[in-house]
PDB file of N, CA and C in Angstrom:
ATOM      1  N   UNK A   1       0.843  -1.091  -0.032  1.00  0.00           N
ATOM      2  CA  UNK A   1      -0.011   0.035   0.016  1.00  0.00           C
ATOM      3  C   UNK A   1       0.819   1.205   0.011  1.00  0.00           C
ATOM      4  N   UNK A   2       0.541   2.175  -0.983  1.00  0.00           N
ATOM      5  CA  UNK A   2       1.351   3.386  -0.964  1.00  0.00           C
ATOM      6  C   UNK A   2       0.592   4.461  -0.255  1.00  0.00           C
ATOM      7  N   UNK A   3       1.381   5.140   0.622  1.00  0.00           N
ATOM      8  CA  UNK A   3       0.926   6.218   1.447  1.00  0.00           C
ATOM      9  C   UNK A   3       1.372   7.566   0.992  1.00  0.00           C
ATOM     10  N   UNK A   4       0.684   8.626   1.029  1.00  0.00           N
ATOM     11  CA  UNK A   4       1.210   9.857   0.553  1.00  0.00           C
ATOM     12  C   UNK A   4       1.737  10.567   1.781  1.00  0.00           C
ATOM     13  N   UNK A   5       2.902  10.059   2.156  1.00  0.00           N
ATOM     14  CA  UNK A   5       3.642  10.695   3.373  1.00  0.00           C
ATOM     15  C   UNK A   5       5.152  10.690   2.951  1.00  0.00           C
ATOM     16  N   UNK A   6       5.741  11.651   3.650  1.00  0.00           N
ATOM     17  CA  UNK A   6       7.281  11.740   3.476  1.00  0.00           C
ATOM     18  C   UNK A   6       7.872  11.620   4.726  1.00  0.00           C
ATOM     19  N   UNK A   7       7.302  11.194   5.764  1.00  0.00           N
ATOM     20  CA  UNK A   7       7.733  10.904   7.148  1.00  0.00           C
ATOM     21  C   UNK A   7       7.789   9.436   7.316  1.00  0.00           C
ATOM     22  N   UNK A   8       8.830   9.061   7.981  1.00  0.00           N
ATOM     23  CA  UNK A   8       9.199   7.702   8.507  1.00  0.00           C
ATOM     24  C   UNK A   8       8.993   7.768  10.077  1.00  0.00           C
ATOM     25  N   UNK A   9       8.192   6.910  10.512  1.00  0.00           N
ATOM     26  CA  UNK A   9       7.902   6.890  12.036  1.00  0.00           C
ATOM     27  C   UNK A   9       8.528   5.676  12.741  1.00  0.00           C
ATOM     28  N   UNK A  10       9.126   5.928  13.753  1.00  0.00           N
ATOM     29  CA  UNK A  10       9.622   4.933  14.657  1.00  0.00           C
ATOM     30  C   UNK A  10       9.111   5.185  16.138  1.00  0.00           C
ATOM     31  N   UNK A  11       9.351   4.354  17.012  1.00  0.00           N
ATOM     32  CA  UNK A  11       8.838   4.606  18.442  1.00  0.00           C
ATOM     33  C   UNK A  11       9.564   5.885  18.969  1.00  0.00           C
ATOM     34  N   UNK A  12      10.901   6.012  18.562  1.00  0.00           N
ATOM     35  CA  UNK A  12      11.640   7.081  19.229  1.00  0.00           C
ATOM     36  C   UNK A  12      11.428   8.434  18.492  1.00  0.00           C
ATOM     37  N   UNK A  13      11.187   8.461  17.193  1.00  0.00           N
ATOM     38  CA  UNK A  13      11.270   9.785  16.511  1.00  0.00           C
ATOM     39  C   UNK A  13      10.401   9.714  15.166  1.00  0.00           C
ATOM     40  N   UNK A  14      10.135  10.838  14.614  1.00  0.00           N
ATOM     41  CA  UNK A  14       9.710  10.965  13.289  1.00  0.00           C
ATOM     42  C   UNK A  14      10.693  11.636  12.532  1.00  0.00           C
ATOM     43  N   UNK A  15      11.000  11.168  11.329  1.00  0.00           N
ATOM     44  CA  UNK A  15      12.035  11.930  10.580  1.00  0.00           C
ATOM     45  C   UNK A  15      11.480  11.922   9.081  1.00  0.00           C
ATOM     46  N   UNK A  16      11.897  12.777   8.289  1.00  0.00           N
ATOM     47  CA  UNK A  16      11.527  12.990   6.917  1.00  0.00           C
ATOM     48  C   UNK A  16      12.440  12.137   6.045  1.00  0.00           C
ATOM     49  N   UNK A  17      11.944  11.410   5.062  1.00  0.00           N
ATOM     50  CA  UNK A  17      12.580  10.589   4.232  1.00  0.00           C
ATOM     51  C   UNK A  17      13.167  11.314   2.949  1.00  0.00           C
ATOM     52  N   UNK A  18      14.457  11.594   2.960  1.00  0.00           N
ATOM     53  CA  UNK A  18      14.978  12.270   1.795  1.00  0.00           C
ATOM     54  C   UNK A  18      14.760  11.639   0.402  1.00  0.00           C
ATOM     55  N   UNK A  19      14.643  10.358   0.380  1.00  0.00           N
ATOM     56  CA  UNK A  19      14.322   9.645  -0.850  1.00  0.00           C
ATOM     57  C   UNK A  19      13.011  10.071  -1.319  1.00  0.00           C
ATOM     58  N   UNK A  20      11.942  10.038  -0.468  1.00  0.00           N
ATOM     59  CA  UNK A  20      10.589  10.427  -0.804  1.00  0.00           C
ATOM     60  C   UNK A  20      10.397  11.895  -1.249  1.00  0.00           C
ATOM     61  N   UNK A  21      11.353  12.772  -0.546  1.00  0.00           N
ATOM     62  CA  UNK A  21      11.241  14.251  -1.051  1.00  0.00           C
ATOM     63  C   UNK A  21      11.859  14.369  -2.348  1.00  0.00           C
ATOM     64  N   UNK A  22      13.049  13.729  -2.540  1.00  0.00           N
ATOM     65  CA  UNK A  22      13.782  13.708  -3.878  1.00  0.00           C
ATOM     66  C   UNK A  22      12.861  13.171  -4.997  1.00  0.00           C
ATOM     67  N   UNK A  23      12.186  12.004  -4.702  1.00  0.00           N
ATOM     68  CA  UNK A  23      11.183  11.461  -5.734  1.00  0.00           C
ATOM     69  C   UNK A  23      10.121  12.478  -5.962  1.00  0.00           C
ATOM     70  N   UNK A  24       9.468  13.183  -5.077  1.00  0.00           N
ATOM     71  CA  UNK A  24       8.569  13.990  -5.306  1.00  0.00           C
ATOM     72  C   UNK A  24       9.128  15.188  -6.269  1.00  0.00           C
ATOM     73  N   UNK A  25      10.208  15.651  -5.991  1.00  0.00           N
ATOM     74  CA  UNK A  25      10.862  16.638  -6.858  1.00  0.00           C
ATOM     75  C   UNK A  25      10.994  16.053  -8.348  1.00  0.00           C
ATOM     76  N   UNK A  26      11.633  14.859  -8.518  1.00  0.00           N
ATOM     77  CA  UNK A  26      11.867  14.286  -9.715  1.00  0.00           C
ATOM     78  C   UNK A  26      10.607  14.071 -10.408  1.00  0.00           C
ATOM     79  N   UNK A  27       9.598  13.474  -9.727  1.00  0.00           N
ATOM     80  CA  UNK A  27       8.294  13.112 -10.418  1.00  0.00           C
ATOM     81  C   UNK A  27       7.509  14.494 -10.792  1.00  0.00           C
ATOM     82  N   UNK A  28       7.763  15.584 -10.270  1.00  0.00           N
ATOM     83  CA  UNK A  28       7.203  16.809 -10.627  1.00  0.00           C
ATOM     84  C   UNK A  28       7.727  17.331 -11.963  1.00  0.00           C
ATOM     85  N   UNK A  29       8.934  16.592 -12.403  1.00  0.00           N
ATOM     86  CA  UNK A  29       9.413  17.144 -13.736  1.00  0.00           C
ATOM     87  C   UNK A  29       9.022  16.177 -14.750  1.00  0.00           C
ATOM     88  N   UNK A  30       8.386  15.058 -14.312  1.00  0.00           N
ATOM     89  CA  UNK A  30       7.873  14.019 -15.503  1.00  0.00           C
ATOM     90  C   UNK A  30       6.406  14.092 -15.738  1.00  0.00           C
ATOM     91  N   UNK A  31       5.724  13.674 -14.793  1.00  0.00           N
ATOM     92  CA  UNK A  31       4.209  13.645 -15.138  1.00  0.00           C
ATOM     93  C   UNK A  31       3.374  14.439 -14.172  1.00  0.00           C
ATOM     94  N   UNK A  32       3.986  14.938 -13.036  1.00  0.00           N
ATOM     95  CA  UNK A  32       3.252  15.605 -11.931  1.00  0.00           C
ATOM     96  C   UNK A  32       3.734  16.975 -11.948  1.00  0.00           C
ATOM     97  N   UNK A  33       3.348  17.681 -10.940  1.00  0.00           N
ATOM     98  CA  UNK A  33       3.785  19.113 -10.735  1.00  0.00           C
ATOM     99  C   UNK A  33       3.801  19.367  -9.246  1.00  0.00           C
ATOM    100  N   UNK A  34       4.556  20.432  -8.899  1.00  0.00           N
ATOM    101  CA  UNK A  34       4.635  20.874  -7.380  1.00  0.00           C
ATOM    102  C   UNK A  34       3.395  21.861  -7.299  1.00  0.00           C
ATOM    103  N   UNK A  35       2.905  21.792  -6.156  1.00  0.00           N
ATOM    104  CA  UNK A  35       1.687  22.806  -5.751  1.00  0.00           C
ATOM    105  C   UNK A  35       1.795  22.955  -4.271  1.00  0.00           C
ATOM    106  N   UNK A  36       1.064  23.938  -3.982  1.00  0.00           N
ATOM    107  CA  UNK A  36       0.791  24.265  -2.532  1.00  0.00           C
ATOM    108  C   UNK A  36      -0.540  24.171  -1.980  1.00  0.00           C
ATOM    109  N   UNK A  37      -0.902  23.333  -1.059  1.00  0.00           N
ATOM    110  CA  UNK A  37      -2.307  23.081  -0.728  1.00  0.00           C
ATOM    111  C   UNK A  37      -2.687  24.396   0.038  1.00  0.00           C
ATOM    112  N   UNK A  38      -1.898  25.002   0.714  1.00  0.00           N
ATOM    113  CA  UNK A  38      -2.213  26.196   1.509  1.00  0.00           C
ATOM    114  C   UNK A  38      -2.768  27.448   0.591  1.00  0.00           C
ATOM    115  N   UNK A  39      -1.883  27.474  -0.541  1.00  0.00           N
ATOM    116  CA  UNK A  39      -2.405  28.499  -1.563  1.00  0.00           C
ATOM    117  C   UNK A  39      -3.566  27.945  -2.398  1.00  0.00           C
ATOM    118  N   UNK A  40      -3.535  26.660  -2.818  1.00  0.00           N
ATOM    119  CA  UNK A  40      -4.578  26.245  -3.501  1.00  0.00           C
ATOM    120  C   UNK A  40      -6.001  26.388  -2.948  1.00  0.00           C
ATOM    121  N   UNK A  41      -6.048  25.937  -1.752  1.00  0.00           N
ATOM    122  CA  UNK A  41      -7.236  26.032  -0.864  1.00  0.00           C
ATOM    123  C   UNK A  41      -7.571  27.431  -0.261  1.00  0.00           C
ATOM    124  N   UNK A  42      -6.765  28.471  -0.617  1.00  0.00           N
ATOM    125  CA  UNK A  42      -7.080  29.842  -0.144  1.00  0.00           C
ATOM    126  C   UNK A  42      -6.848  30.010   1.275  1.00  0.00           C
ATOM    127  N   UNK A  43      -6.132  29.082   1.976  1.00  0.00           N
ATOM    128  CA  UNK A  43      -5.829  29.235   3.398  1.00  0.00           C
ATOM    129  C   UNK A  43      -4.954  30.405   3.706  1.00  0.00           C
ATOM    130  N   UNK A  44      -3.965  30.738   2.916  1.00  0.00           N
ATOM    131  CA  UNK A  44      -3.192  32.013   2.992  1.00  0.00           C
ATOM    132  C   UNK A  44      -2.783  32.429   1.757  1.00  0.00           C
ATOM    133  N   UNK A  45      -2.410  33.780   1.761  1.00  0.00           N
ATOM    134  CA  UNK A  45      -1.927  34.499   0.484  1.00  0.00           C
ATOM    135  C   UNK A  45      -0.437  34.316   0.397  1.00  0.00           C
ATOM    136  N   UNK A  46       0.050  34.261  -0.887  1.00  0.00           N
ATOM    137  CA  UNK A  46       1.580  34.051  -1.060  1.00  0.00           C
ATOM    138  C   UNK A  46       2.337  35.014  -0.255  1.00  0.00           C
ATOM    139  N   UNK A  47       1.860  36.328  -0.269  1.00  0.00           N
ATOM    140  CA  UNK A  47       2.684  37.252   0.335  1.00  0.00           C
ATOM    141  C   UNK A  47       2.832  37.192   1.871  1.00  0.00           C
ATOM    142  N   UNK A  48       1.975  36.575   2.416  1.00  0.00           N
ATOM    143  CA  UNK A  48       1.944  36.242   3.914  1.00  0.00           C
ATOM    144  C   UNK A  48       2.671  34.850   4.369  1.00  0.00           C
ATOM    145  N   UNK A  49       2.921  34.145   3.340  1.00  0.00           N
ATOM    146  CA  UNK A  49       3.475  32.842   3.636  1.00  0.00           C
ATOM    147  C   UNK A  49       4.907  32.902   4.196  1.00  0.00           C
ATOM    148  N   UNK A  50       5.144  32.207   5.064  1.00  0.00           N
ATOM    149  CA  UNK A  50       6.695  32.107   5.682  1.00  0.00           C
ATOM    150  C   UNK A  50       7.421  31.061   5.026  1.00  0.00           C
ATOM    151  N   UNK A  51       6.665  30.110   4.328  1.00  0.00           N
ATOM    152  CA  UNK A  51       7.379  29.095   3.637  1.00  0.00           C
ATOM    153  C   UNK A  51       7.759  29.578   2.189  1.00  0.00           C
ATOM    154  N   UNK A  52       7.595  30.627   1.873  1.00  0.00           N
ATOM    155  CA  UNK A  52       7.733  31.238   0.413  1.00  0.00           C
ATOM    156  C   UNK A  52       9.255  30.971   0.085  1.00  0.00           C
ATOM    157  N   UNK A  53      10.152  31.360   0.792  1.00  0.00           N
ATOM    158  CA  UNK A  53      11.591  31.067   0.412  1.00  0.00           C
ATOM    159  C   UNK A  53      11.931  29.600   0.056  1.00  0.00           C
ATOM    160  N   UNK A  54      11.394  28.905   1.020  1.00  0.00           N
ATOM    161  CA  UNK A  54      11.729  27.283   0.896  1.00  0.00           C
ATOM    162  C   UNK A  54      11.080  26.896  -0.446  1.00  0.00           C
ATOM    163  N   UNK A  55       9.834  27.280  -0.721  1.00  0.00           N
ATOM    164  CA  UNK A  55       9.066  26.903  -2.011  1.00  0.00           C
ATOM    165  C   UNK A  55       9.911  27.408  -3.181  1.00  0.00           C
ATOM    166  N   UNK A  56      10.390  28.585  -3.089  1.00  0.00           N
ATOM    167  CA  UNK A  56      11.034  29.213  -4.420  1.00  0.00           C
ATOM    168  C   UNK A  56      12.386  28.360  -4.440  1.00  0.00           C
ATOM    169  N   UNK A  57      12.956  27.985  -3.449  1.00  0.00           N
ATOM    170  CA  UNK A  57      14.205  27.110  -3.603  1.00  0.00           C
ATOM    171  C   UNK A  57      13.820  25.837  -4.267  1.00  0.00           C
ATOM    172  N   UNK A  58      12.800  25.362  -3.885  1.00  0.00           N
ATOM    173  CA  UNK A  58      12.277  24.101  -4.381  1.00  0.00           C
ATOM    174  C   UNK A  58      11.913  24.169  -5.824  1.00  0.00           C
ATOM    175  N   UNK A  59      11.469  25.273  -6.387  1.00  0.00           N
ATOM    176  CA  UNK A  59      11.260  25.454  -7.687  1.00  0.00           C
ATOM    177  C   UNK A  59      12.471  25.455  -8.558  1.00  0.00           C
ATOM    178  N   UNK A  60      13.469  26.353  -7.913  1.00  0.00           N
ATOM    179  CA  UNK A  60      14.855  26.403  -8.462  1.00  0.00           C
ATOM    180  C   UNK A  60      15.616  25.031  -8.450  1.00  0.00           C
ATOM    181  N   UNK A  61      15.354  24.186  -7.521  1.00  0.00           N
ATOM    182  CA  UNK A  61      15.939  22.880  -7.514  1.00  0.00           C
ATOM    183  C   UNK A  61      15.445  22.067  -8.572  1.00  0.00           C
ATOM    184  N   UNK A  62      14.157  22.052  -8.872  1.00  0.00           N
ATOM    185  CA  UNK A  62      13.458  21.271  -9.902  1.00  0.00           C
ATOM    186  C   UNK A  62      14.063  21.949 -11.241  1.00  0.00           C
ATOM    187  N   UNK A  63      14.062  23.102 -11.445  1.00  0.00           N
ATOM    188  CA  UNK A  63      14.679  23.689 -12.618  1.00  0.00           C
ATOM    189  C   UNK A  63      16.048  23.241 -12.973  1.00  0.00           C
ATOM    190  N   UNK A  64      16.883  23.254 -11.924  1.00  0.00           N
ATOM    191  CA  UNK A  64      18.309  22.773 -12.197  1.00  0.00           C
ATOM    192  C   UNK A  64      18.343  21.461 -12.463  1.00  0.00           C
ATOM    193  N   UNK A  65      17.520  20.514 -11.820  1.00  0.00           N
ATOM    194  CA  UNK A  65      17.422  19.192 -12.024  1.00  0.00           C
ATOM    195  C   UNK A  65      17.114  18.861 -13.533  1.00  0.00           C
ATOM    196  N   UNK A  66      16.180  19.512 -14.138  1.00  0.00           N
ATOM    197  CA  UNK A  66      15.765  19.413 -15.324  1.00  0.00           C
ATOM    198  C   UNK A  66      16.779  19.791 -16.468  1.00  0.00           C
ATOM    199  N   UNK A  67      17.482  20.863 -16.115  1.00  0.00           N
ATOM    200  CA  UNK A  67      18.573  21.427 -16.948  1.00  0.00           C
ATOM    201  C   UNK A  67      19.786  20.450 -16.851  1.00  0.00           C
ATOM    202  N   UNK A  68      19.968  19.798 -15.741  1.00  0.00           N
ATOM    203  CA  UNK A  68      21.127  18.863 -15.743  1.00  0.00           C
ATOM    204  C   UNK A  68      20.939  17.500 -16.299  1.00  0.00           C
ATOM    205  N   UNK A  69      19.606  17.097 -16.381  1.00  0.00           N
ATOM    206  CA  UNK A  69      19.291  15.611 -16.710  1.00  0.00           C
ATOM    207  C   UNK A  69      18.538  15.637 -18.068  1.00  0.00           C
ATOM    208  N   UNK A  70      18.270  16.771 -18.674  1.00  0.00           N
ATOM    209  CA  UNK A  70      17.624  16.649 -19.977  1.00  0.00           C
ATOM    210  C   UNK A  70      18.711  17.096 -21.163  1.00  0.00           C
ATOM    211  N   UNK A  71      18.638  16.175 -22.121  1.00  0.00           N
ATOM    212  CA  UNK A  71      19.563  16.279 -23.160  1.00  0.00           C
ATOM    213  C   UNK A  71      18.847  16.045 -24.546  1.00  0.00           C
ATOM    214  N   UNK A  72      18.998  17.018 -25.489  1.00  0.00           N
ATOM    215  CA  UNK A  72      18.593  16.936 -26.814  1.00  0.00           C
ATOM    216  C   UNK A  72      19.415  16.047 -27.550  1.00  0.00           C
ATOM    217  N   UNK A  73      18.655  14.911 -28.077  1.00  0.00           N
ATOM    218  CA  UNK A  73      19.373  13.836 -28.817  1.00  0.00           C
ATOM    219  C   UNK A  73      19.327  14.035 -30.429  1.00  0.00           C
ATOM    220  N   UNK A  74      18.380  14.815 -30.847  1.00  0.00           N
ATOM    221  CA  UNK A  74      18.228  15.021 -32.201  1.00  0.00           C
ATOM    222  C   UNK A  74      17.129  16.020 -32.499  1.00  0.00           C
ATOM    223  N   UNK A  75      17.276  16.763 -33.604  1.00  0.00           N
ATOM    224  CA  UNK A  75      16.260  17.638 -33.940  1.00  0.00           C
ATOM    225  C   UNK A  75      15.516  17.226 -35.265  1.00  0.00           C
ATOM    226  N   UNK A  76      14.367  17.590 -35.570  1.00  0.00           N
ATOM    227  CA  UNK A  76      13.607  17.142 -36.678  1.00  0.00           C
ATOM    228  C   UNK A  76      12.579  18.335 -36.953  1.00  0.00           C
ATOM    229  N   UNK A  77      12.252  18.445 -38.118  1.00  0.00           N
ATOM    230  CA  UNK A  77      11.067  19.190 -38.515  1.00  0.00           C
ATOM    231  C   UNK A  77      10.066  18.494 -39.384  1.00  0.00           C
ATOM    232  N   UNK A  78       8.896  19.035 -39.301  1.00  0.00           N
ATOM    233  CA  UNK A  78       7.772  18.483 -40.250  1.00  0.00           C
ATOM    234  C   UNK A  78       7.750  19.415 -41.392  1.00  0.00           C
ATOM    235  N   UNK A  79       7.907  18.970 -42.699  1.00  0.00           N
ATOM    236  CA  UNK A  79       7.781  19.896 -43.826  1.00  0.00           C
ATOM    237  C   UNK A  79       6.569  19.532 -44.488  1.00  0.00           C
TER     238      UNK A  79
END
């Protein structure tokens, strides 16, 4: 069963799984996208969000990943 969580829980602690976070970033470049439920649901406005800097960095990270891992292997035209 797949759960929509990025936390791993043990009896002593809760910790975030870097693999799940990295996969979320990578998957957003393939068939998904990054979004913010706080903004999407109108809970807060972007100007008031204290996570804005982190989200901006996440977007930049995704852009850098695409730039580093995307390669043009050929060009063609339809005539």
